[in-house]
């Protein structure tokens, strides 16, 4: 699968900060790109399904948030 701009952004971000919460990543995606919070969560899900990033699922942290790395 080819990387899109969102995949590349997430890979770069997670290479600097090893572990980030879904809430933080969605906020960053929403402030960097013209996407809403719901679509940002979908982008995270798609990047995980493509194998570009990993998720702590099914384990959650805080208020039901996944950790991405």
Protein backbone atom coordinates (compact mmCIF):
# COMPACT_ATOMS: atom_id res chain seq x y z
CA UNK A 1 0.00 0.00 0.00
CA UNK A 2 1.18 3.49 -0.73
CA UNK A 3 1.50 6.17 1.91
CA UNK A 4 -0.64 9.28 1.76
CA UNK A 5 0.17 12.62 3.39
CA UNK A 6 -1.58 11.60 6.60
CA UNK A 7 0.36 8.33 6.88
CA UNK A 8 3.64 10.16 6.30
CA UNK A 9 2.74 12.80 8.89
CA UNK A 10 1.86 10.18 11.52
CA UNK A 11 4.99 8.12 10.83
CA UNK A 12 7.19 11.23 11.17
CA UNK A 13 5.43 12.34 14.35
CA UNK A 14 5.65 8.92 15.98
CA UNK A 15 9.32 8.55 15.03
CA UNK A 16 10.04 11.61 17.23
CA UNK A 17 7.64 10.83 20.09
CA UNK A 18 7.52 7.08 20.52
CA UNK A 19 4.07 6.77 22.17
CA UNK A 20 1.12 9.14 21.72
CA UNK A 21 -2.54 8.93 22.69
CA UNK A 22 -5.33 8.90 20.16
CA UNK A 23 -6.74 12.14 21.58
CA UNK A 24 -3.45 13.96 21.10
CA UNK A 25 -2.96 12.59 17.57
CA UNK A 26 -6.51 13.55 16.57
CA UNK A 27 -5.96 17.09 17.89
CA UNK A 28 -2.71 17.41 15.94
CA UNK A 29 -4.29 16.03 12.75
CA UNK A 30 -7.26 18.40 13.12
CA UNK A 31 -5.04 21.43 13.63
CA UNK A 32 -2.61 20.53 10.82
CA UNK A 33 -5.06 19.34 8.15
CA UNK A 34 -8.64 20.38 7.37
CA UNK A 35 -10.18 17.29 9.04
CA UNK A 36 -12.57 16.94 11.94
CA UNK A 37 -11.98 14.75 14.98
CA UNK A 38 -14.11 11.85 13.69
CA UNK A 39 -12.21 11.72 10.39
CA UNK A 40 -8.89 12.00 12.25
CA UNK A 41 -9.77 8.84 14.20
CA UNK A 42 -10.57 7.10 10.90
CA UNK A 43 -7.17 8.16 9.53
CA UNK A 44 -5.49 6.59 12.56
CA UNK A 45 -7.47 3.39 12.05
CA UNK A 46 -6.49 3.25 8.37
CA UNK A 47 -2.79 3.82 9.10
CA UNK A 48 -2.89 0.94 11.57
CA UNK A 49 -4.68 -1.35 9.11
CA UNK A 50 -2.05 -0.55 6.46
CA UNK A 51 0.70 -1.44 8.95
CA UNK A 52 2.35 1.99 8.98
CA UNK A 53 1.75 2.56 12.71
CA UNK A 54 0.76 0.29 15.60
CA UNK A 55 -1.98 0.53 18.19
CA UNK A 56 -2.32 -0.69 21.75
CA UNK A 57 -5.77 -2.13 20.89
CA UNK A 58 -7.49 -3.82 22.60
CA UNK A 59 -5.80 -2.25 25.65
CA UNK A 60 -6.92 1.31 26.38
CA UNK A 61 -5.53 4.03 28.61
CA UNK A 62 -7.02 7.07 30.31
CA UNK A 63 -10.53 7.69 29.06
CA UNK A 64 -10.63 4.70 26.71
CA UNK A 65 -7.85 6.00 24.48
CA UNK A 66 -5.51 3.82 22.50
CA UNK A 67 -1.79 4.47 22.46
CA UNK A 68 -0.12 4.62 19.06
CA UNK A 69 3.52 3.89 18.35
